[in-house]
C-alpha atoms as a PDB file:
ATOM      1  CA  MET A   1     228.453 151.596   1.430  1.00  0.00           C
ATOM      2  CA  ILE A   2     227.706 153.727   4.320  1.00  0.00           C
ATOM      3  CA  GLU A   3     224.666 155.302   2.863  1.00  0.00           C
ATOM      4  CA  ASN A   4     223.554 151.207   2.055  1.00  0.00           C
ATOM      5  CA  ASP A   5     224.696 150.241   5.652  1.00  0.00           C
ATOM      6  CA  ALA A   6     222.217 152.588   7.402  1.00  0.00           C
ATOM      7  CA  PHE A   7     219.234 151.885   5.500  1.00  0.00           C
ATOM      8  CA  LEU A   8     220.004 147.858   6.209  1.00  0.00           C
ATOM      9  CA  THR A   9     219.836 148.999   9.818  1.00  0.00           C
ATOM     10  CA  ALA A  10     217.272 151.330   9.677  1.00  0.00           C
ATOM     11  CA  TYR A  11     215.136 148.888   8.217  1.00  0.00           C
ATOM     12  CA  CYS A  12     216.591 145.755  10.435  1.00  0.00           C
ATOM     13  CA  CYS A  13     215.249 148.097  13.495  1.00  0.00           C
ATOM     14  CA  VAL A  14     212.144 149.049  11.991  1.00  0.00           C
ATOM     15  CA  MET A  15     210.824 145.179  11.408  1.00  0.00           C
ATOM     16  CA  ALA A  16     212.569 144.559  14.857  1.00  0.00           C
ATOM     17  CA  PHE A  17     210.182 146.980  16.298  1.00  0.00           C
ATOM     18  CA  PHE A  18     207.330 145.464  14.505  1.00  0.00           C
ATOM     19  CA  ILE A  19     208.302 141.657  15.285  1.00  0.00           C
ATOM     20  CA  GLY A  20     208.774 142.671  19.021  1.00  0.00           C
ATOM     21  CA  SER A  21     205.504 144.532  19.473  1.00  0.00           C
ATOM     22  CA  VAL A  22     203.884 141.550  17.745  1.00  0.00           C
ATOM     23  CA  PHE A  23     205.166 139.002  19.999  1.00  0.00           C
ATOM     24  CA  GLY A  24     204.479 141.682  22.966  1.00  0.00           C
ATOM     25  CA  SER A  25     200.493 141.400  21.854  1.00  0.00           C
ATOM     26  CA  PHE A  26     200.775 137.640  22.198  1.00  0.00           C
ATOM     27  CA  LEU A  27     202.827 136.993  24.794  1.00  0.00           C
ATOM     28  CA  HIS A  28     200.696 139.139  26.923  1.00  0.00           C
ATOM     29  CA  CYS A  29     197.791 137.121  25.572  1.00  0.00           C
ATOM     30  CA  TYR A  30     199.948 133.943  26.950  1.00  0.00           C
ATOM     31  CA  ALA A  31     200.139 135.568  30.095  1.00  0.00           C
ATOM     32  CA  TRP A  32     197.039 136.458  31.100  1.00  0.00           C
ATOM     33  CA  ARG A  33     195.583 132.830  29.792  1.00  0.00           C
ATOM     34  CA  THR A  34     197.844 131.023  31.547  1.00  0.00           C
ATOM     35  CA  THR A  35     197.222 132.865  34.820  1.00  0.00           C
ATOM     36  CA  HIS A  36     193.591 132.567  34.485  1.00  0.00           C
ATOM     37  CA  GLY A  37     193.200 129.098  33.733  1.00  0.00           C
ATOM     38  CA  GLU A  38     192.731 129.382  30.211  1.00  0.00           C
ATOM     39  CA  SER A  39     194.360 127.107  27.195  1.00  0.00           C
ATOM     40  CA  VAL A  40     196.884 129.009  25.378  1.00  0.00           C
ATOM     41  CA  MET A  41     196.884 127.008  21.878  1.00  0.00           C
ATOM     42  CA  LYS A  42     193.209 127.041  21.730  1.00  0.00           C
ATOM     43  CA  GLY A  43     190.972 129.535  21.127  1.00  0.00           C
ATOM     44  CA  ARG A  44     190.555 132.936  19.318  1.00  0.00           C
ATOM     45  CA  SER A  45     191.859 136.383  21.164  1.00  0.00           C
ATOM     46  CA  HIS A  46     188.662 137.533  22.853  1.00  0.00           C
ATOM     47  CA  CYS A  47     188.225 140.677  24.935  1.00  0.00           C
ATOM     48  CA  PRO A  48     187.924 139.885  28.703  1.00  0.00           C
ATOM     49  CA  GLU A  49     185.260 141.324  29.660  1.00  0.00           C
ATOM     50  CA  CYS A  50     182.489 140.405  27.320  1.00  0.00           C
ATOM     51  CA  ASN A  51     184.445 137.836  25.480  1.00  0.00           C
ATOM     52  CA  HIS A  52     183.869 139.153  22.276  1.00  0.00           C
ATOM     53  CA  VAL A  53     186.139 137.925  19.764  1.00  0.00           C
ATOM     54  CA  LEU A  54     188.614 140.192  18.654  1.00  0.00           C
ATOM     55  CA  GLY A  55     188.722 140.663  14.989  1.00  0.00           C
ATOM     56  CA  PRO A  56     191.462 142.068  12.708  1.00  0.00           C
ATOM     57  CA  ILE A  57     191.234 145.771  13.448  1.00  0.00           C
ATOM     58  CA  ASP A  58     191.468 144.993  17.182  1.00  0.00           C
ATOM     59  CA  LEU A  59     194.426 142.949  17.156  1.00  0.00           C
ATOM     60  CA  ILE A  60     196.930 145.460  15.366  1.00  0.00           C
ATOM     61  CA  PRO A  61     199.881 146.309  17.746  1.00  0.00           C
ATOM     62  CA  ILE A  62     199.662 149.663  19.532  1.00  0.00           C
ATOM     63  CA  LEU A  63     197.699 150.970  16.713  1.00  0.00           C
ATOM     64  CA  SER A  64     194.685 149.523  17.255  1.00  0.00           C
ATOM     65  CA  TRP A  65     194.300 150.445  21.291  1.00  0.00           C
ATOM     66  CA  ILE A  66     195.334 154.140  20.252  1.00  0.00           C
ATOM     67  CA  PHE A  67     192.541 154.064  16.812  1.00  0.00           C
ATOM     68  CA  LEU A  68     189.828 152.765  19.358  1.00  0.00           C
ATOM     69  CA  GLY A  69     190.325 155.153  22.023  1.00  0.00           C
ATOM     70  CA  GLY A  70     191.896 152.475  24.679  1.00  0.00           C
ATOM     71  CA  LYS A  71     188.438 151.008  25.157  1.00  0.00           C
ATOM     72  CA  CYS A  72     186.802 147.851  23.406  1.00  0.00           C
ATOM     73  CA  ARG A  73     185.242 148.291  20.392  1.00  0.00           C
ATOM     74  CA  TYR A  74     182.174 146.142  21.202  1.00  0.00           C
ATOM     75  CA  CYS A  75     181.314 146.566  24.908  1.00  0.00           C
ATOM     76  CA  GLY A  76     182.897 149.954  25.176  1.00  0.00           C
ATOM     77  CA  LYS A  77     184.977 149.141  28.399  1.00  0.00           C
ATOM     78  CA  THR A  78     187.940 150.495  29.184  1.00  0.00           C
ATOM     79  CA  VAL A  79     191.087 148.305  27.694  1.00  0.00           C
ATOM     80  CA  PRO A  80     194.495 148.620  30.492  1.00  0.00           C
ATOM     81  CA  VAL A  81     197.121 150.478  29.029  1.00  0.00           C
ATOM     82  CA  LYS A  82     199.397 147.682  30.027  1.00  0.00           C
ATOM     83  CA  TYR A  83     198.434 145.865  26.828  1.00  0.00           C
ATOM     84  CA  PRO A  84     199.819 148.546  24.617  1.00  0.00           C
ATOM     85  CA  ILE A  85     202.765 149.374  26.494  1.00  0.00           C
ATOM     86  CA  SER A  86     203.617 145.662  26.542  1.00  0.00           C
ATOM     87  CA  GLU A  87     203.581 145.617  22.595  1.00  0.00           C
ATOM     88  CA  LEU A  88     206.017 149.187  22.901  1.00  0.00           C
ATOM     89  CA  VAL A  89     208.038 147.892  25.684  1.00  0.00           C
ATOM     90  CA  LEU A  90     209.182 144.780  23.611  1.00  0.00           C
ATOM     91  CA  GLY A  91     209.089 146.203  20.351  1.00  0.00           C
ATOM     92  CA  ILE A  92     211.590 148.713  21.601  1.00  0.00           C
ATOM     93  CA  LEU A  93     213.717 145.555  23.618  1.00  0.00           C
ATOM     94  CA  SER A  94     213.748 144.025  20.354  1.00  0.00           C
ATOM     95  CA  MET A  95     215.234 147.056  18.449  1.00  0.00           C
ATOM     96  CA  LEU A  96     217.978 147.384  21.348  1.00  0.00           C
ATOM     97  CA  ILE A  97     219.028 144.122  20.861  1.00  0.00           C
ATOM     98  CA  ILE A  98     219.879 144.238  16.773  1.00  0.00           C
ATOM     99  CA  LEU A  99     221.851 147.548  17.442  1.00  0.00           C
ATOM    100  CA  ARG A 100     223.588 146.113  19.917  1.00  0.00           C
ATOM    101  CA  PHE A 101     223.858 142.416  18.543  1.00  0.00           C
ATOM    102  CA  GLY A 102     223.654 143.320  14.675  1.00  0.00           C
ATOM    103  CA  ILE A 103     222.059 141.212  12.344  1.00  0.00           C
ATOM    104  CA  SER A 104     223.900 137.547  13.971  1.00  0.00           C
ATOM    105  CA  LEU A 105     222.813 133.938  15.475  1.00  0.00           C
ATOM    106  CA  VAL A 106     223.792 135.769  18.701  1.00  0.00           C
ATOM    107  CA  SER A 107     220.727 138.492  17.965  1.00  0.00           C
ATOM    108  CA  LEU A 108     218.747 135.768  17.318  1.00  0.00           C
ATOM    109  CA  ARG A 109     219.289 134.269  20.204  1.00  0.00           C
ATOM    110  CA  ASN A 110     219.228 136.895  22.545  1.00  0.00           C
ATOM    111  CA  LEU A 111     215.622 137.714  21.142  1.00  0.00           C
ATOM    112  CA  ILE A 112     213.991 134.418  21.922  1.00  0.00           C
ATOM    113  CA  PHE A 113     215.703 135.216  25.282  1.00  0.00           C
ATOM    114  CA  ALA A 114     214.490 137.979  25.702  1.00  0.00           C
ATOM    115  CA  TYR A 115     210.798 137.345  24.926  1.00  0.00           C
ATOM    116  CA  THR A 116     210.866 134.628  27.012  1.00  0.00           C
ATOM    117  CA  LEU A 117     211.626 136.793  30.133  1.00  0.00           C
ATOM    118  CA  PHE A 118     209.180 139.272  29.174  1.00  0.00           C
ATOM    119  CA  ALA A 119     206.356 136.078  28.999  1.00  0.00           C
ATOM    120  CA  LEU A 120     207.691 135.086  32.891  1.00  0.00           C
ATOM    121  CA  THR A 121     207.894 138.444  34.162  1.00  0.00           C
ATOM    122  CA  LEU A 122     204.048 139.067  33.001  1.00  0.00           C
ATOM    123  CA  THR A 123     203.038 135.742  34.628  1.00  0.00           C
ATOM    124  CA  ASP A 124     204.779 136.778  37.771  1.00  0.00           C
ATOM    125  CA  LEU A 125     203.303 139.977  38.114  1.00  0.00           C
ATOM    126  CA  TYR A 126     199.621 138.934  37.054  1.00  0.00           C
ATOM    127  CA  ASP A 127     199.676 135.274  39.749  1.00  0.00           C
ATOM    128  CA  TYR A 128     203.082 135.167  41.004  1.00  0.00           C
ATOM    129  CA  LEU A 129     204.126 132.501  38.142  1.00  0.00           C
ATOM    130  CA  ILE A 130     207.280 131.503  36.760  1.00  0.00           C
ATOM    131  CA  PRO A 131     205.847 128.713  34.516  1.00  0.00           C
ATOM    132  CA  ASP A 132     208.104 125.721  33.876  1.00  0.00           C
ATOM    133  CA  THR A 133     207.312 126.239  29.886  1.00  0.00           C
ATOM    134  CA  CYS A 134     209.601 129.754  30.034  1.00  0.00           C
ATOM    135  CA  ILE A 135     212.491 127.853  32.294  1.00  0.00           C
ATOM    136  CA  LEU A 136     212.359 125.273  29.950  1.00  0.00           C
ATOM    137  CA  ILE A 137     212.469 127.326  26.720  1.00  0.00           C
ATOM    138  CA  ALA A 138     215.220 129.021  27.465  1.00  0.00           C
ATOM    139  CA  ILE A 139     217.613 126.381  28.224  1.00  0.00           C
ATOM    140  CA  ILE A 140     216.915 124.760  25.061  1.00  0.00           C
ATOM    141  CA  ASN A 141     216.881 127.643  23.261  1.00  0.00           C
ATOM    142  CA  TRP A 142     220.867 128.527  24.978  1.00  0.00           C
ATOM    143  CA  LEU A 143     222.218 124.686  24.169  1.00  0.00           C
ATOM    144  CA  VAL A 144     220.691 124.844  20.389  1.00  0.00           C
ATOM    145  CA  PHE A 145     223.076 128.457  19.946  1.00  0.00           C
ATOM    146  CA  ALA A 146     226.073 127.043  22.429  1.00  0.00           C
ATOM    147  CA  PHE A 147     227.170 125.285  19.466  1.00  0.00           C
ATOM    148  CA  PHE A 148     227.832 128.334  17.627  1.00  0.00           C
ATOM    149  CA  CYS A 149     228.174 131.267  20.208  1.00  0.00           C
ATOM    150  CA  TYR A 150     231.443 129.761  21.977  1.00  0.00           C
ATOM    151  CA  GLU A 151     234.693 129.342  20.923  1.00  0.00           C
ATOM    152  CA  ASN A 152     234.604 125.537  22.196  1.00  0.00           C
ATOM    153  CA  LEU A 153     233.098 123.330  24.854  1.00  0.00           C
ATOM    154  CA  VAL A 154     235.649 124.224  27.521  1.00  0.00           C
ATOM    155  CA  ALA A 155     233.680 127.484  26.965  1.00  0.00           C
ATOM    156  CA  THR A 156     230.227 125.945  27.457  1.00  0.00           C
ATOM    157  CA  GLY A 157     231.309 123.646  30.364  1.00  0.00           C
ATOM    158  CA  PHE A 158     232.661 126.581  32.051  1.00  0.00           C
ATOM    159  CA  THR A 159     229.024 128.678  31.476  1.00  0.00           C
ATOM    160  CA  LEU A 160     227.263 125.574  32.502  1.00  0.00           C
ATOM    161  CA  LEU A 161     229.237 125.064  35.890  1.00  0.00           C
ATOM    162  CA  THR A 162     229.165 128.811  36.550  1.00  0.00           C
ATOM    163  CA  ALA A 163     225.436 128.826  36.289  1.00  0.00           C
ATOM    164  CA  ILE A 164     225.111 125.218  38.041  1.00  0.00           C
ATOM    165  CA  LEU A 165     227.432 127.239  41.039  1.00  0.00           C
ATOM    166  CA  PHE A 166     224.829 130.498  41.481  1.00  0.00           C
ATOM    167  CA  ALA A 167     222.045 128.505  41.210  1.00  0.00           C
ATOM    168  CA  ALA A 168     223.110 126.283  44.299  1.00  0.00           C
ATOM    169  CA  CYS A 169     224.227 128.799  46.356  1.00  0.00           C
ATOM    170  CA  LEU A 170     221.261 130.804  46.279  1.00  0.00           C
ATOM    171  CA  LEU A 171     219.161 127.996  46.897  1.00  0.00           C
ATOM    172  CA  GLY A 172     221.861 126.933  50.075  1.00  0.00           C
ATOM    173  CA  ILE A 173     221.224 131.236  51.069  1.00  0.00           C
ATOM    174  CA  VAL A 174     217.370 130.303  50.659  1.00  0.00           C
ATOM    175  CA  LEU A 175     216.912 127.293  52.599  1.00  0.00           C
ATOM    176  CA  LEU A 176     218.967 129.084  55.449  1.00  0.00           C
ATOM    177  CA  PHE A 177     216.622 131.689  55.759  1.00  0.00           C
ATOM    178  CA  ASP A 178     213.573 129.195  55.233  1.00  0.00           C
ATOM    179  CA  LYS A 179     214.430 128.085  58.216  1.00  0.00           C
ATOM    180  CA  ILE A 180     215.216 131.220  60.145  1.00  0.00           C
ATOM    181  CA  LEU A 181     212.176 133.031  58.954  1.00  0.00           C
ATOM    182  CA  GLY A 182     210.117 130.251  59.644  1.00  0.00           C
ATOM    183  CA  LYS A 183     208.575 130.682  55.821  1.00  0.00           C
ATOM    184  CA  GLU A 184     208.843 130.693  52.293  1.00  0.00           C
ATOM    185  CA  SER A 185     211.660 133.631  51.591  1.00  0.00           C
ATOM    186  CA  MET A 186     211.754 133.210  47.888  1.00  0.00           C
ATOM    187  CA  GLY A 187     210.239 130.926  45.376  1.00  0.00           C
ATOM    188  CA  GLY A 188     211.830 128.202  43.145  1.00  0.00           C
ATOM    189  CA  GLY A 189     211.100 129.685  39.541  1.00  0.00           C
ATOM    190  CA  ASP A 190     212.947 132.595  40.883  1.00  0.00           C
ATOM    191  CA  ILE A 191     216.400 130.092  41.287  1.00  0.00           C
ATOM    192  CA  LYS A 192     215.283 128.264  38.424  1.00  0.00           C
ATOM    193  CA  LEU A 193     215.717 131.782  36.966  1.00  0.00           C
ATOM    194  CA  VAL A 194     218.667 132.657  38.186  1.00  0.00           C
ATOM    195  CA  PHE A 195     219.708 129.628  36.799  1.00  0.00           C
ATOM    196  CA  VAL A 196     219.012 130.201  33.355  1.00  0.00           C
ATOM    197  CA  CYS A 197     219.825 133.494  33.411  1.00  0.00           C
ATOM    198  CA  ALA A 198     223.910 132.903  34.651  1.00  0.00           C
ATOM    199  CA  LEU A 199     224.272 130.411  31.560  1.00  0.00           C
ATOM    200  CA  TYR A 200     223.487 133.987  29.144  1.00  0.00           C
ATOM    201  CA  LEU A 201     225.327 136.353  31.103  1.00  0.00           C
ATOM    202  CA  GLY A 202     228.110 134.282  32.673  1.00  0.00           C
ATOM    203  CA  PHE A 203     230.048 134.914  36.066  1.00  0.00           C
ATOM    204  CA  PHE A 204     230.551 138.401  36.085  1.00  0.00           C
ATOM    205  CA  GLY A 205     227.263 139.396  34.338  1.00  0.00           C
ATOM    206  CA  THR A 206     225.676 137.075  36.640  1.00  0.00           C
ATOM    207  CA  MET A 207     227.893 138.634  39.854  1.00  0.00           C
ATOM    208  CA  PHE A 208     226.507 142.305  38.657  1.00  0.00           C
ATOM    209  CA  MET A 209     222.805 141.143  37.909  1.00  0.00           C
ATOM    210  CA  LEU A 210     222.016 139.861  41.308  1.00  0.00           C
ATOM    211  CA  ILE A 211     223.216 143.233  42.943  1.00  0.00           C
ATOM    212  CA  LEU A 212     221.150 145.162  39.990  1.00  0.00           C
ATOM    213  CA  ALA A 213     218.303 142.866  40.561  1.00  0.00           C
ATOM    214  CA  CYS A 214     218.092 143.368  44.477  1.00  0.00           C
ATOM    215  CA  MET A 215     218.176 147.244  43.901  1.00  0.00           C
ATOM    216  CA  ILE A 216     215.541 147.096  41.182  1.00  0.00           C
ATOM    217  CA  GLY A 217     213.660 144.555  43.292  1.00  0.00           C
ATOM    218  CA  LEU A 218     213.917 146.960  46.690  1.00  0.00           C
ATOM    219  CA  ILE A 219     212.574 150.397  44.601  1.00  0.00           C
ATOM    220  CA  PHE A 220     209.757 148.545  43.078  1.00  0.00           C
ATOM    221  CA  ALA A 221     208.559 147.506  46.693  1.00  0.00           C
ATOM    222  CA  VAL A 222     209.278 150.983  47.549  1.00  0.00           C
ATOM    223  CA  VAL A 223     207.719 152.544  44.849  1.00  0.00           C
ATOM    224  CA  THR A 224     204.517 150.251  45.190  1.00  0.00           C
ATOM    225  CA  ARG A 225     204.204 149.920  48.615  1.00  0.00           C
ATOM    226  CA  TYR A 226     204.110 146.341  48.318  1.00  0.00           C
ATOM    227  CA  ARG A 227     200.708 146.528  46.456  1.00  0.00           C
ATOM    228  CA  LYS A 228     202.018 143.224  44.384  1.00  0.00           C
ATOM    229  CA  SER A 229     202.818 141.109  47.597  1.00  0.00           C
ATOM    230  CA  ASN A 230     200.352 138.510  48.736  1.00  0.00           C
ATOM    231  CA  GLU A 231     199.026 136.832  51.409  1.00  0.00           C
ATOM    232  CA  ASN A 232     201.920 135.729  52.876  1.00  0.00           C
ATOM    233  CA  GLY A 233     203.868 138.619  51.982  1.00  0.00           C
ATOM    234  CA  GLN A 234     205.941 137.251  48.936  1.00  0.00           C
ATOM    235  CA  PHE A 235     207.197 139.473  46.413  1.00  0.00           C
ATOM    236  CA  PRO A 236     207.218 139.088  42.530  1.00  0.00           C
ATOM    237  CA  PHE A 237     211.141 139.161  41.704  1.00  0.00           C
ATOM    238  CA  GLY A 238     211.379 137.928  38.716  1.00  0.00           C
ATOM    239  CA  PRO A 239     210.782 140.942  36.866  1.00  0.00           C
ATOM    240  CA  ALA A 240     214.190 142.255  39.207  1.00  0.00           C
ATOM    241  CA  LEU A 241     215.821 139.592  37.422  1.00  0.00           C
ATOM    242  CA  ALA A 242     214.550 139.956  33.859  1.00  0.00           C
ATOM    243  CA  LEU A 243     214.967 143.410  33.863  1.00  0.00           C
ATOM    244  CA  ALA A 244     218.854 143.359  35.556  1.00  0.00           C
ATOM    245  CA  THR A 245     219.256 140.822  32.976  1.00  0.00           C
ATOM    246  CA  MET A 246     218.823 142.726  29.946  1.00  0.00           C
ATOM    247  CA  ILE A 247     220.119 145.646  31.220  1.00  0.00           C
ATOM    248  CA  MET A 248     223.228 143.336  32.026  1.00  0.00           C
ATOM    249  CA  MET A 249     223.090 141.235  28.389  1.00  0.00           C
ATOM    250  CA  LEU A 250     222.482 145.025  26.479  1.00  0.00           C
ATOM    251  CA  TYR A 251     225.012 147.587  28.358  1.00  0.00           C
ATOM    252  CA  GLY A 252     227.483 145.598  31.098  1.00  0.00           C
ATOM    253  CA  GLU A 253     230.085 144.408  29.274  1.00  0.00           C
ATOM    254  CA  PRO A 254     231.949 147.801  29.430  1.00  0.00           C
ATOM    255  CA  PHE A 255     231.848 147.642  33.169  1.00  0.00           C
ATOM    256  CA  ILE A 256     232.435 144.072  33.507  1.00  0.00           C
ATOM    257  CA  MET A 257     235.771 144.473  31.800  1.00  0.00           C
ATOM    258  CA  TRP A 258     236.401 147.427  33.527  1.00  0.00           C
ATOM    259  CA  TYR A 259     235.770 145.657  36.779  1.00  0.00           C
ATOM    260  CA  ARG A 260     238.338 142.535  35.303  1.00  0.00           C
ATOM    261  CA  SER A 261     240.897 145.076  34.420  1.00  0.00           C
ATOM    262  CA  LEU A 262     241.306 145.825  38.087  1.00  0.00           C
ATOM    263  CA  TYR A 263     243.012 142.602  38.690  1.00  0.00           C
END
């Protein structure tokens, strides 16, 4: 029985990694097209340099980039390493979610949410954009699984009120800073994202997520020396929120339990 369980776990991890890497490729394509004015639903994948349509051998996650030497098979231009890194990261993240939550509806819910966070992370890095489509998908995903992942309607309602509270407080702080600084201090997409993340994390999870996101954002800003800031001095905060959310979702529960035990 133990051997069978180990084999099943290993098999599920391999499948999760494969599926995650495939979605990593697709979502990077989605982000690139969204921020470059191309239709996501029309047209086959193509090289961004020569526009040649890519064949099946060009689209194998991670392996195609390695076998082709990191170059386009048609024009010879270098394919940025960010493409296989995206596939690798989402593959590993999918595997971690399966290991953390097992084969369950919670895993499926969190996988969909993770893919949504990954997509909006890329669009925010590309063009300071958090698509409303991603926010809507994450909300619908939470609503669908709320009937299965919460004990009762009271727990569901409390989580929803928690999300509204965090978003409203953040909006108030942002409006205050906007008035003091005379410019936009945080984009509306970030506030919507905090609301969505709170739906999945709850009160304490969201509280620590925001602290962690500020730390991650500050480190990222220092390391990159604001190379990702735009002409208005704005900085993409969505990636920090997404990363902090996934860290809290995967590993935050023991810390939250310890903190709550203090009271």
